[in-house]
Amino acid sequence: MMDLAIETSNLTKIYGDNVVVDHLEITVNKGELVSILGPNGAGKTTLIKILTTILKPDEGVALINGKDVLKDLTIKSIIGTVPQDYVYYEELTAKENLVFFGMMHGFSKKELNLKADQILEKLGLGNRKDKTKNFSGGMKRRLNIAIAFVMQPDILFLDEPTAGLDPQAKHVVWDYIKELKKDGKTIILTTHDMNEAEMLSDRVLIIDNGKIIAKGAPKSLKEKYSDENILEVVFVHEEKAHEFKKSVELLDFLKQVFIEGEKKVNIYFNGGIINFIKILQEEVINDVTELESISLRQTTLEDVFLHLTGRRLRE
């Protein structure tokens, strides 16, 4: 049996009449990367705040490396957090920020100067010598990540670490997270980016209304909860999308039909290519000029979430 980095029992947080974290039972192995997924308000950030000692639970126990987060303050020395909000000093350079925060955690200035240069170079900030108040939003996000990494924690909590980053910057951060995982770090990731979760995670926990509604490796979750074919039909005009949805949703082999945005109809169905042809033979698309695109695609983690909760992650 692997050693546990994180273990919770009956973990609960209540605000008024709202149970935000509802008797959660979670285990995370050392060296594992676990993504916590869910819609806004599902309880993800509250859970992270409890595990990082910022909030006290109303019930239950949370253990970090076997130590109670409420009773053992030494836990703070082995965890690092990348919060959604920026945490740095605008009048300092990127390197000065890393050295300052590292020294606060007991590292030597000589050690930090070398480590800071390495991390900033990997995150694409090595050439920036100016004050961080001049940084773009994406650069500030990467600086936030660098500050957490320079403290070399055993357990990292990444709360939407790549939110607002462009695709190139995201891949830079993903590559560095992979390096940390190879070094044996335990990583807890909350994200709305399903590609990010699928690419990085050993396991996924899906939370809704403060409860875990599914957990497992990304591949096993897709196989278990959403094995349908998915047909995406995008129309030029919104009214055509609604007409198409109404025409096809009575087919008995369809699992679900919904409109995403204004013009895209997503059809979940079983039966493979035969039933795909039946959909097209319904003769509801009389003029191909009404279409922007039509395509079949594979199931994603977001499809799993939709299957379980009936709503999109970004709602």
C-alpha atoms as a PDB file:
ATOM      1  CA  MET A   1       0.000   0.000   0.000  1.00  0.00           C
ATOM      2  CA  MET A   2       1.354   3.437  -0.931  1.00  0.00           C
ATOM      3  CA  ASP A   3       1.993   6.093   1.711  1.00  0.00           C
ATOM      4  CA  LEU A   4      -0.756   8.701   1.946  1.00  0.00           C
ATOM      5  CA  ALA A   5       0.056  12.378   1.461  1.00  0.00           C
ATOM      6  CA  ILE A   6      -3.524  13.488   2.131  1.00  0.00           C
ATOM      7  CA  GLU A   7      -6.391  11.803   3.925  1.00  0.00           C
ATOM      8  CA  THR A   8      -9.737  13.242   4.987  1.00  0.00           C
ATOM      9  CA  SER A   9     -12.548  11.728   7.009  1.00  0.00           C
ATOM     10  CA  ASN A  10     -16.061  13.161   7.259  1.00  0.00           C
ATOM     11  CA  LEU A  11     -14.661  16.560   6.206  1.00  0.00           C
ATOM     12  CA  THR A  12     -17.420  19.182   6.325  1.00  0.00           C
ATOM     13  CA  LYS A  13     -17.706  22.961   5.981  1.00  0.00           C
ATOM     14  CA  ILE A  14     -21.004  24.801   6.383  1.00  0.00           C
ATOM     15  CA  TYR A  15     -21.876  28.435   5.658  1.00  0.00           C
ATOM     16  CA  GLY A  16     -25.317  29.229   7.038  1.00  0.00           C
ATOM     17  CA  ASP A  17     -27.670  26.664   5.513  1.00  0.00           C
ATOM     18  CA  ASN A  18     -25.224  25.814   2.729  1.00  0.00           C
ATOM     19  CA  VAL A  19     -23.086  22.686   3.126  1.00  0.00           C
ATOM     20  CA  VAL A  20     -20.109  23.653   0.950  1.00  0.00           C
ATOM     21  CA  VAL A  21     -17.960  20.607   1.755  1.00  0.00           C
ATOM     22  CA  ASP A  22     -20.162  17.637   2.568  1.00  0.00           C
ATOM     23  CA  HIS A  23     -18.557  14.825   4.609  1.00  0.00           C
ATOM     24  CA  LEU A  24     -15.744  14.215   2.127  1.00  0.00           C
ATOM     25  CA  GLU A  25     -13.602  11.084   2.290  1.00  0.00           C
ATOM     26  CA  ILE A  26     -10.461  11.630   0.193  1.00  0.00           C
ATOM     27  CA  THR A  27      -7.097   9.905  -0.097  1.00  0.00           C
ATOM     28  CA  VAL A  28      -4.122  11.056  -2.163  1.00  0.00           C
ATOM     29  CA  ASN A  29      -0.981   8.962  -2.438  1.00  0.00           C
ATOM     30  CA  LYS A  30       2.480  10.486  -2.183  1.00  0.00           C
ATOM     31  CA  GLY A  31       3.789  11.367  -5.630  1.00  0.00           C
ATOM     32  CA  GLU A  32       0.302  11.384  -7.152  1.00  0.00           C
ATOM     33  CA  LEU A  33      -1.262  14.185  -9.188  1.00  0.00           C
ATOM     34  CA  VAL A  34      -4.986  14.448  -8.494  1.00  0.00           C
ATOM     35  CA  SER A  35      -7.276  16.934 -10.228  1.00  0.00           C
ATOM     36  CA  ILE A  36     -10.408  18.182  -8.501  1.00  0.00           C
ATOM     37  CA  LEU A  37     -13.085  19.151 -11.001  1.00  0.00           C
ATOM     38  CA  GLY A  38     -16.487  20.728 -10.579  1.00  0.00           C
ATOM     39  CA  PRO A  39     -18.603  23.764 -11.440  1.00  0.00           C
ATOM     40  CA  ASN A  40     -18.192  27.094  -9.692  1.00  0.00           C
ATOM     41  CA  GLY A  41     -19.495  26.806  -6.151  1.00  0.00           C
ATOM     42  CA  ALA A  42     -18.978  23.046  -5.982  1.00  0.00           C
ATOM     43  CA  GLY A  43     -16.654  23.345  -2.970  1.00  0.00           C
ATOM     44  CA  LYS A  44     -13.256  22.956  -4.649  1.00  0.00           C
ATOM     45  CA  THR A  45     -11.622  26.135  -3.364  1.00  0.00           C
ATOM     46  CA  THR A  46     -13.086  25.683   0.118  1.00  0.00           C
ATOM     47  CA  LEU A  47     -11.630  22.177   0.243  1.00  0.00           C
ATOM     48  CA  ILE A  48      -8.201  23.496  -0.778  1.00  0.00           C
ATOM     49  CA  LYS A  49      -8.362  26.206   1.897  1.00  0.00           C
ATOM     50  CA  ILE A  50      -9.076  23.583   4.557  1.00  0.00           C
ATOM     51  CA  LEU A  51      -6.227  21.347   3.406  1.00  0.00           C
ATOM     52  CA  THR A  52      -3.812  24.308   3.390  1.00  0.00           C
ATOM     53  CA  THR A  53      -4.844  25.374   6.938  1.00  0.00           C
ATOM     54  CA  ILE A  54      -6.528  28.625   5.828  1.00  0.00           C
ATOM     55  CA  LEU A  55     -10.022  27.471   6.885  1.00  0.00           C
ATOM     56  CA  LYS A  56     -11.127  25.294   9.770  1.00  0.00           C
ATOM     57  CA  PRO A  57     -13.606  22.511   8.981  1.00  0.00           C
ATOM     58  CA  ASP A  58     -16.844  22.348  10.976  1.00  0.00           C
ATOM     59  CA  GLU A  59     -16.623  18.562  11.175  1.00  0.00           C
ATOM     60  CA  GLY A  60     -14.179  15.815  10.332  1.00  0.00           C
ATOM     61  CA  VAL A  61     -10.435  15.472  10.065  1.00  0.00           C
ATOM     62  CA  ALA A  62      -7.873  16.341   7.390  1.00  0.00           C
ATOM     63  CA  LEU A  63      -4.395  14.821   7.561  1.00  0.00           C
ATOM     64  CA  ILE A  64      -1.307  15.933   5.637  1.00  0.00           C
ATOM     65  CA  ASN A  65       1.452  13.302   5.795  1.00  0.00           C
ATOM     66  CA  GLY A  66      -0.443  11.864   8.730  1.00  0.00           C
ATOM     67  CA  LYS A  67      -0.565  15.172  10.632  1.00  0.00           C
ATOM     68  CA  ASP A  68      -3.824  16.920  11.576  1.00  0.00           C
ATOM     69  CA  VAL A  69      -4.119  20.288   9.791  1.00  0.00           C
ATOM     70  CA  LEU A  70      -5.760  21.774  12.894  1.00  0.00           C
ATOM     71  CA  LYS A  71      -3.169  20.590  15.384  1.00  0.00           C
ATOM     72  CA  ASP A  72       0.253  20.511  13.741  1.00  0.00           C
ATOM     73  CA  LEU A  73       1.562  23.828  12.396  1.00  0.00           C
ATOM     74  CA  THR A  74       4.666  22.161  10.938  1.00  0.00           C
ATOM     75  CA  ILE A  75       2.419  21.150   8.032  1.00  0.00           C
ATOM     76  CA  LYS A  76       2.880  24.640   6.589  1.00  0.00           C
ATOM     77  CA  SER A  77       6.550  23.907   5.935  1.00  0.00           C
ATOM     78  CA  ILE A  78       5.795  21.016   3.559  1.00  0.00           C
ATOM     79  CA  ILE A  79       2.960  22.505   1.501  1.00  0.00           C
ATOM     80  CA  GLY A  80       2.919  25.150  -1.206  1.00  0.00           C
ATOM     81  CA  THR A  81      -0.040  26.904  -2.772  1.00  0.00           C
ATOM     82  CA  VAL A  82      -0.682  28.663  -6.047  1.00  0.00           C
ATOM     83  CA  PRO A  83      -3.883  30.592  -5.256  1.00  0.00           C
ATOM     84  CA  GLN A  84      -6.259  32.144  -7.766  1.00  0.00           C
ATOM     85  CA  ASP A  85      -5.355  35.607  -6.449  1.00  0.00           C
ATOM     86  CA  TYR A  86      -1.934  37.091  -7.100  1.00  0.00           C
ATOM     87  CA  VAL A  87       0.471  37.033  -4.122  1.00  0.00           C
ATOM     88  CA  TYR A  88       3.692  38.996  -4.704  1.00  0.00           C
ATOM     89  CA  TYR A  89       5.206  42.461  -4.210  1.00  0.00           C
ATOM     90  CA  GLU A  90       4.820  44.787  -7.198  1.00  0.00           C
ATOM     91  CA  GLU A  91       7.856  46.923  -6.325  1.00  0.00           C
ATOM     92  CA  LEU A  92      10.179  43.906  -6.457  1.00  0.00           C
ATOM     93  CA  THR A  93      11.519  42.117  -9.533  1.00  0.00           C
ATOM     94  CA  ALA A  94      10.485  38.539 -10.210  1.00  0.00           C
ATOM     95  CA  LYS A  95      13.750  37.197  -8.786  1.00  0.00           C
ATOM     96  CA  GLU A  96      13.565  39.454  -5.734  1.00  0.00           C
ATOM     97  CA  ASN A  97      10.078  38.120  -5.031  1.00  0.00           C
ATOM     98  CA  LEU A  98      11.242  34.512  -5.194  1.00  0.00           C
ATOM     99  CA  VAL A  99      14.255  35.162  -2.979  1.00  0.00           C
ATOM    100  CA  PHE A 100      12.168  37.102  -0.454  1.00  0.00           C
ATOM    101  CA  PHE A 101       9.473  34.450  -0.100  1.00  0.00           C
ATOM    102  CA  GLY A 102      12.059  31.674  -0.034  1.00  0.00           C
ATOM    103  CA  MET A 103      14.023  33.342   2.775  1.00  0.00           C
ATOM    104  CA  MET A 104      10.797  33.670   4.755  1.00  0.00           C
ATOM    105  CA  HIS A 105      10.618  29.866   4.616  1.00  0.00           C
ATOM    106  CA  GLY A 106      14.162  29.396   5.867  1.00  0.00           C
ATOM    107  CA  PHE A 107      16.156  28.934   2.654  1.00  0.00           C
ATOM    108  CA  SER A 108      19.547  30.601   2.263  1.00  0.00           C
ATOM    109  CA  LYS A 109      19.912  33.573  -0.065  1.00  0.00           C
ATOM    110  CA  LYS A 110      22.732  31.876  -1.966  1.00  0.00           C
ATOM    111  CA  GLU A 111      20.631  28.760  -2.574  1.00  0.00           C
ATOM    112  CA  LEU A 112      17.616  30.844  -3.584  1.00  0.00           C
ATOM    113  CA  ASN A 113      19.514  32.985  -6.099  1.00  0.00           C
ATOM    114  CA  LEU A 114      20.430  29.875  -8.064  1.00  0.00           C
ATOM    115  CA  LYS A 115      17.012  28.212  -7.693  1.00  0.00           C
ATOM    116  CA  ALA A 116      15.149  31.396  -8.639  1.00  0.00           C
ATOM    117  CA  ASP A 117      17.119  31.773 -11.866  1.00  0.00           C
ATOM    118  CA  GLN A 118      16.363  28.163 -12.842  1.00  0.00           C
ATOM    119  CA  ILE A 119      12.624  28.400 -12.169  1.00  0.00           C
ATOM    120  CA  LEU A 120      12.170  31.795 -13.815  1.00  0.00           C
ATOM    121  CA  GLU A 121      14.012  30.582 -16.905  1.00  0.00           C
ATOM    122  CA  LYS A 122      11.772  27.511 -17.182  1.00  0.00           C
ATOM    123  CA  LEU A 123       8.648  29.644 -16.816  1.00  0.00           C
ATOM    124  CA  GLY A 124       9.763  32.166 -19.422  1.00  0.00           C
ATOM    125  CA  LEU A 125      10.528  34.999 -16.992  1.00  0.00           C
ATOM    126  CA  GLY A 126      14.316  34.729 -16.872  1.00  0.00           C
ATOM    127  CA  ASN A 127      14.931  37.850 -18.937  1.00  0.00           C
ATOM    128  CA  ARG A 128      12.642  40.146 -16.938  1.00  0.00           C
ATOM    129  CA  LYS A 129      14.644  42.368 -14.594  1.00  0.00           C
ATOM    130  CA  ASP A 130      12.043  45.114 -14.102  1.00  0.00           C
ATOM    131  CA  LYS A 131       9.506  45.529 -11.309  1.00  0.00           C
ATOM    132  CA  THR A 132       6.618  43.099 -11.448  1.00  0.00           C
ATOM    133  CA  LYS A 133       4.045  45.908 -11.506  1.00  0.00           C
ATOM    134  CA  ASN A 134       4.916  46.166 -15.219  1.00  0.00           C
ATOM    135  CA  PHE A 135       4.068  42.509 -15.903  1.00  0.00           C
ATOM    136  CA  SER A 136       1.129  41.364 -18.016  1.00  0.00           C
ATOM    137  CA  GLY A 137      -1.616  39.271 -16.447  1.00  0.00           C
ATOM    138  CA  GLY A 138      -0.132  36.060 -17.830  1.00  0.00           C
ATOM    139  CA  MET A 139       3.320  36.910 -16.519  1.00  0.00           C
ATOM    140  CA  LYS A 140       1.904  37.653 -13.072  1.00  0.00           C
ATOM    141  CA  ARG A 141       0.197  34.256 -13.095  1.00  0.00           C
ATOM    142  CA  ARG A 142       3.488  32.536 -13.934  1.00  0.00           C
ATOM    143  CA  LEU A 143       5.254  34.527 -11.201  1.00  0.00           C
ATOM    144  CA  ASN A 144       2.665  33.291  -8.707  1.00  0.00           C
ATOM    145  CA  ILE A 145       3.476  29.736  -9.761  1.00  0.00           C
ATOM    146  CA  ALA A 146       7.225  30.361  -9.534  1.00  0.00           C
ATOM    147  CA  ILE A 147       6.927  31.663  -5.939  1.00  0.00           C
ATOM    148  CA  ALA A 148       5.214  28.446  -4.851  1.00  0.00           C
ATOM    149  CA  PHE A 149       7.752  26.278  -6.685  1.00  0.00           C
ATOM    150  CA  VAL A 150      10.861  27.991  -5.270  1.00  0.00           C
ATOM    151  CA  MET A 151       9.925  26.866  -1.754  1.00  0.00           C
ATOM    152  CA  GLN A 152      10.290  23.230  -2.862  1.00  0.00           C
ATOM    153  CA  PRO A 153       7.252  21.901  -0.967  1.00  0.00           C
ATOM    154  CA  ASP A 154       6.509  18.190  -0.765  1.00  0.00           C
ATOM    155  CA  ILE A 155       2.830  18.838  -1.555  1.00  0.00           C
ATOM    156  CA  LEU A 156       1.631  21.464  -4.036  1.00  0.00           C
ATOM    157  CA  PHE A 157      -1.899  22.840  -4.230  1.00  0.00           C
ATOM    158  CA  LEU A 158      -2.537  24.477  -7.601  1.00  0.00           C
ATOM    159  CA  ASP A 159      -5.845  26.384  -7.707  1.00  0.00           C
ATOM    160  CA  GLU A 160      -6.570  27.237 -11.364  1.00  0.00           C
ATOM    161  CA  PRO A 161      -2.827  27.799 -12.014  1.00  0.00           C
ATOM    162  CA  THR A 162      -3.119  28.401 -15.774  1.00  0.00           C
ATOM    163  CA  ALA A 163      -6.286  30.519 -15.774  1.00  0.00           C
ATOM    164  CA  GLY A 164      -5.833  33.386 -18.210  1.00  0.00           C
ATOM    165  CA  LEU A 165      -2.643  32.029 -19.774  1.00  0.00           C
ATOM    166  CA  ASP A 166      -2.241  31.777 -23.534  1.00  0.00           C
ATOM    167  CA  PRO A 167      -1.749  28.272 -25.012  1.00  0.00           C
ATOM    168  CA  GLN A 168       2.041  28.591 -25.247  1.00  0.00           C
ATOM    169  CA  ALA A 169       2.366  29.695 -21.604  1.00  0.00           C
ATOM    170  CA  LYS A 170       0.042  26.874 -20.514  1.00  0.00           C
ATOM    171  CA  HIS A 171       2.311  24.284 -22.105  1.00  0.00           C
ATOM    172  CA  VAL A 172       5.334  25.805 -20.367  1.00  0.00           C
ATOM    173  CA  VAL A 173       3.586  25.451 -17.000  1.00  0.00           C
ATOM    174  CA  TRP A 174       2.359  21.926 -17.817  1.00  0.00           C
ATOM    175  CA  ASP A 175       5.890  20.811 -18.688  1.00  0.00           C
ATOM    176  CA  TYR A 176       7.202  22.114 -15.382  1.00  0.00           C
ATOM    177  CA  ILE A 177       4.393  20.444 -13.431  1.00  0.00           C
ATOM    178  CA  LYS A 178       5.350  17.166 -15.144  1.00  0.00           C
ATOM    179  CA  GLU A 179       8.955  17.672 -14.023  1.00  0.00           C
ATOM    180  CA  LEU A 180       7.845  18.212 -10.437  1.00  0.00           C
ATOM    181  CA  LYS A 181       5.762  15.066 -10.554  1.00  0.00           C
ATOM    182  CA  LYS A 182       8.761  13.082 -11.822  1.00  0.00           C
ATOM    183  CA  ASP A 183      10.669  14.410  -8.805  1.00  0.00           C
ATOM    184  CA  GLY A 184       8.068  12.788  -6.541  1.00  0.00           C
ATOM    185  CA  LYS A 185       6.023  15.840  -5.604  1.00  0.00           C
ATOM    186  CA  THR A 186       2.392  15.336  -4.643  1.00  0.00           C
ATOM    187  CA  ILE A 187       0.167  17.732  -6.579  1.00  0.00           C
ATOM    188  CA  ILE A 188      -3.481  18.704  -6.104  1.00  0.00           C
ATOM    189  CA  LEU A 189      -4.871  20.602  -9.082  1.00  0.00           C
ATOM    190  CA  THR A 190      -8.181  22.396  -9.453  1.00  0.00           C
ATOM    191  CA  THR A 191      -8.991  23.430 -12.988  1.00  0.00           C
ATOM    192  CA  HIS A 192     -11.731  24.141 -15.486  1.00  0.00           C
ATOM    193  CA  ASP A 193      -9.429  23.111 -18.331  1.00  0.00           C
ATOM    194  CA  MET A 194     -10.355  19.530 -19.183  1.00  0.00           C
ATOM    195  CA  ASN A 195      -7.374  19.110 -21.492  1.00  0.00           C
ATOM    196  CA  GLU A 196      -5.140  20.121 -18.589  1.00  0.00           C
ATOM    197  CA  ALA A 197      -6.773  17.630 -16.220  1.00  0.00           C
ATOM    198  CA  GLU A 198      -6.661  14.795 -18.724  1.00  0.00           C
ATOM    199  CA  MET A 199      -3.044  15.409 -19.677  1.00  0.00           C
ATOM    200  CA  LEU A 200      -1.627  15.749 -16.160  1.00  0.00           C
ATOM    201  CA  SER A 201      -3.766  13.666 -13.801  1.00  0.00           C
ATOM    202  CA  ASP A 202      -3.217  10.229 -12.342  1.00  0.00           C
ATOM    203  CA  ARG A 203      -6.716  10.450 -10.908  1.00  0.00           C
ATOM    204  CA  VAL A 204      -9.666  12.830 -11.045  1.00  0.00           C
ATOM    205  CA  LEU A 205     -12.209  13.677  -8.357  1.00  0.00           C
ATOM    206  CA  ILE A 206     -15.433  15.246  -9.622  1.00  0.00           C
ATOM    207  CA  ILE A 207     -17.218  17.305  -6.964  1.00  0.00           C
ATOM    208  CA  ASP A 208     -20.705  18.776  -7.109  1.00  0.00           C
ATOM    209  CA  ASN A 209     -22.572  20.424  -4.248  1.00  0.00           C
ATOM    210  CA  GLY A 210     -19.727  19.578  -1.894  1.00  0.00           C
ATOM    211  CA  LYS A 211     -19.821  15.831  -2.587  1.00  0.00           C
ATOM    212  CA  ILE A 212     -17.647  13.524  -4.657  1.00  0.00           C
ATOM    213  CA  ILE A 213     -19.845  12.161  -7.427  1.00  0.00           C
ATOM    214  CA  ALA A 214     -17.136  10.271  -9.344  1.00  0.00           C
ATOM    215  CA  LYS A 215     -13.443   9.450  -9.050  1.00  0.00           C
ATOM    216  CA  GLY A 216     -10.831   7.518 -10.987  1.00  0.00           C
ATOM    217  CA  ALA A 217      -8.262   7.763 -13.753  1.00  0.00           C
ATOM    218  CA  PRO A 218      -9.396   9.944 -16.691  1.00  0.00           C
ATOM    219  CA  LYS A 219      -9.546   6.968 -19.058  1.00  0.00           C
ATOM    220  CA  SER A 220     -11.580   4.819 -16.676  1.00  0.00           C
ATOM    221  CA  LEU A 221     -14.034   7.640 -15.986  1.00  0.00           C
ATOM    222  CA  LYS A 222     -14.659   8.115 -19.699  1.00  0.00           C
ATOM    223  CA  GLU A 223     -15.168   4.402 -20.187  1.00  0.00           C
ATOM    224  CA  LYS A 224     -17.517   4.101 -17.212  1.00  0.00           C
ATOM    225  CA  TYR A 225     -19.695   7.178 -17.535  1.00  0.00           C
ATOM    226  CA  SER A 226     -19.758   8.321 -21.138  1.00  0.00           C
ATOM    227  CA  ASP A 227     -19.231   5.695 -23.830  1.00  0.00           C
ATOM    228  CA  GLU A 228     -21.542   7.335 -26.350  1.00  0.00           C
ATOM    229  CA  ASN A 229     -20.646   8.721 -29.745  1.00  0.00           C
ATOM    230  CA  ILE A 230     -20.816  12.507 -29.914  1.00  0.00           C
ATOM    231  CA  LEU A 231     -21.996  14.339 -33.005  1.00  0.00           C
ATOM    232  CA  GLU A 232     -21.455  18.103 -33.126  1.00  0.00           C
ATOM    233  CA  VAL A 233     -23.536  20.055 -35.623  1.00  0.00           C
ATOM    234  CA  VAL A 234     -22.923  23.801 -35.906  1.00  0.00           C
ATOM    235  CA  PHE A 235     -25.448  25.917 -37.812  1.00  0.00           C
ATOM    236  CA  VAL A 236     -25.119  29.332 -39.407  1.00  0.00           C
ATOM    237  CA  HIS A 237     -28.304  30.582 -37.744  1.00  0.00           C
ATOM    238  CA  GLU A 238     -29.548  29.961 -34.223  1.00  0.00           C
ATOM    239  CA  GLU A 239     -33.120  29.110 -35.250  1.00  0.00           C
ATOM    240  CA  LYS A 240     -31.894  26.231 -37.438  1.00  0.00           C
ATOM    241  CA  ALA A 241     -30.067  24.741 -34.460  1.00  0.00           C
ATOM    242  CA  HIS A 242     -33.295  24.719 -32.443  1.00  0.00           C
ATOM    243  CA  GLU A 243     -35.261  23.220 -35.349  1.00  0.00           C
ATOM    244  CA  PHE A 244     -32.673  20.455 -35.748  1.00  0.00           C
ATOM    245  CA  LYS A 245     -32.657  19.652 -32.035  1.00  0.00           C
ATOM    246  CA  LYS A 246     -36.433  19.369 -31.971  1.00  0.00           C
ATOM    247  CA  SER A 247     -36.442  17.100 -35.031  1.00  0.00           C
ATOM    248  CA  VAL A 248     -33.853  14.574 -33.894  1.00  0.00           C
ATOM    249  CA  GLU A 249     -34.343  14.322 -30.140  1.00  0.00           C
ATOM    250  CA  LEU A 250     -37.172  11.792 -30.471  1.00  0.00           C
ATOM    251  CA  LEU A 251     -34.886   9.131 -31.967  1.00  0.00           C
ATOM    252  CA  ASP A 252     -34.837   6.221 -29.516  1.00  0.00           C
ATOM    253  CA  PHE A 253     -31.074   5.586 -29.683  1.00  0.00           C
ATOM    254  CA  LEU A 254     -30.165   9.136 -28.661  1.00  0.00           C
ATOM    255  CA  LYS A 255     -28.928   9.546 -25.097  1.00  0.00           C
ATOM    256  CA  GLN A 256     -29.023  13.323 -24.949  1.00  0.00           C
ATOM    257  CA  VAL A 257     -29.345  16.357 -27.195  1.00  0.00           C
ATOM    258  CA  PHE A 258     -28.473  19.858 -26.070  1.00  0.00           C
ATOM    259  CA  ILE A 259     -27.514  23.203 -27.570  1.00  0.00           C
ATOM    260  CA  GLU A 260     -24.153  24.645 -26.564  1.00  0.00           C
ATOM    261  CA  GLY A 261     -23.914  28.391 -26.988  1.00  0.00           C
ATOM    262  CA  GLU A 262     -26.393  29.472 -29.648  1.00  0.00           C
ATOM    263  CA  LYS A 263     -25.684  27.478 -32.800  1.00  0.00           C
ATOM    264  CA  LYS A 264     -24.009  24.186 -31.832  1.00  0.00           C
ATOM    265  CA  VAL A 265     -26.104  21.058 -31.288  1.00  0.00           C
ATOM    266  CA  ASN A 266     -24.379  18.225 -29.400  1.00  0.00           C
ATOM    267  CA  ILE A 267     -25.917  14.791 -29.878  1.00  0.00           C
ATOM    268  CA  TYR A 268     -24.926  11.882 -27.613  1.00  0.00           C
ATOM    269  CA  PHE A 269     -25.928   8.543 -29.116  1.00  0.00           C
ATOM    270  CA  ASN A 270     -25.020   4.869 -29.126  1.00  0.00           C
ATOM    271  CA  GLY A 271     -24.921   2.360 -31.953  1.00  0.00           C
ATOM    272  CA  GLY A 272     -21.920   3.687 -33.861  1.00  0.00           C
ATOM    273  CA  ILE A 273     -21.843   4.584 -37.533  1.00  0.00           C
ATOM    274  CA  ILE A 274     -25.197   2.950 -38.354  1.00  0.00           C
ATOM    275  CA  ASN A 275     -27.095   5.266 -36.066  1.00  0.00           C
ATOM    276  CA  PHE A 276     -24.985   8.202 -37.209  1.00  0.00           C
ATOM    277  CA  ILE A 277     -26.292   7.571 -40.719  1.00  0.00           C
ATOM    278  CA  LYS A 278     -29.854   7.359 -39.371  1.00  0.00           C
ATOM    279  CA  ILE A 279     -29.456  10.821 -37.831  1.00  0.00           C
ATOM    280  CA  LEU A 280     -28.388  12.240 -41.180  1.00  0.00           C
ATOM    281  CA  GLN A 281     -31.238  10.398 -42.938  1.00  0.00           C
ATOM    282  CA  GLU A 282     -33.848  12.218 -40.863  1.00  0.00           C
ATOM    283  CA  GLU A 283     -33.804  14.819 -43.622  1.00  0.00           C
ATOM    284  CA  VAL A 284     -33.869  17.666 -41.133  1.00  0.00           C
ATOM    285  CA  ILE A 285     -30.903  19.306 -42.855  1.00  0.00           C
ATOM    286  CA  ASN A 286     -32.326  20.161 -46.246  1.00  0.00           C
ATOM    287  CA  ASP A 287     -29.686  22.686 -47.243  1.00  0.00           C
ATOM    288  CA  VAL A 288     -25.982  22.176 -46.458  1.00  0.00           C
ATOM    289  CA  THR A 289     -25.452  25.936 -46.665  1.00  0.00           C
ATOM    290  CA  GLU A 290     -27.260  26.073 -43.313  1.00  0.00           C
ATOM    291  CA  LEU A 291     -24.268  24.308 -41.746  1.00  0.00           C
ATOM    292  CA  GLU A 292     -20.974  25.717 -40.507  1.00  0.00           C
ATOM    293  CA  SER A 293     -19.608  22.284 -39.600  1.00  0.00           C
ATOM    294  CA  ILE A 294     -20.504  18.723 -38.666  1.00  0.00           C
ATOM    295  CA  SER A 295     -18.180  16.297 -36.900  1.00  0.00           C
ATOM    296  CA  LEU A 296     -17.895  13.214 -34.716  1.00  0.00           C
ATOM    297  CA  ARG A 297     -15.580  13.371 -31.726  1.00  0.00           C
ATOM    298  CA  GLN A 298     -14.388  11.308 -28.786  1.00  0.00           C
ATOM    299  CA  THR A 299     -15.725  11.534 -25.271  1.00  0.00           C
ATOM    300  CA  THR A 300     -13.952  14.053 -22.998  1.00  0.00           C
ATOM    301  CA  LEU A 301     -13.877  14.572 -19.249  1.00  0.00           C
ATOM    302  CA  GLU A 302     -16.277  17.454 -19.723  1.00  0.00           C
ATOM    303  CA  ASP A 303     -18.693  15.019 -21.343  1.00  0.00           C
ATOM    304  CA  VAL A 304     -18.350  12.807 -18.269  1.00  0.00           C
ATOM    305  CA  PHE A 305     -19.230  15.774 -16.089  1.00  0.00           C
ATOM    306  CA  LEU A 306     -22.232  16.588 -18.236  1.00  0.00           C
ATOM    307  CA  HIS A 307     -23.354  12.972 -18.036  1.00  0.00           C
ATOM    308  CA  LEU A 308     -23.171  13.078 -14.222  1.00  0.00           C
ATOM    309  CA  THR A 309     -24.531  16.539 -13.460  1.00  0.00           C
ATOM    310  CA  GLY A 310     -26.403  17.708 -16.541  1.00  0.00           C
ATOM    311  CA  ARG A 311     -24.497  20.957 -16.826  1.00  0.00           C
ATOM    312  CA  ARG A 312     -21.311  22.332 -18.309  1.00  0.00           C
ATOM    313  CA  LEU A 313     -18.257  22.971 -16.130  1.00  0.00           C
ATOM    314  CA  ARG A 314     -18.185  26.700 -16.827  1.00  0.00           C
ATOM    315  CA  GLU A 315     -21.728  27.419 -15.773  1.00  0.00           C
END
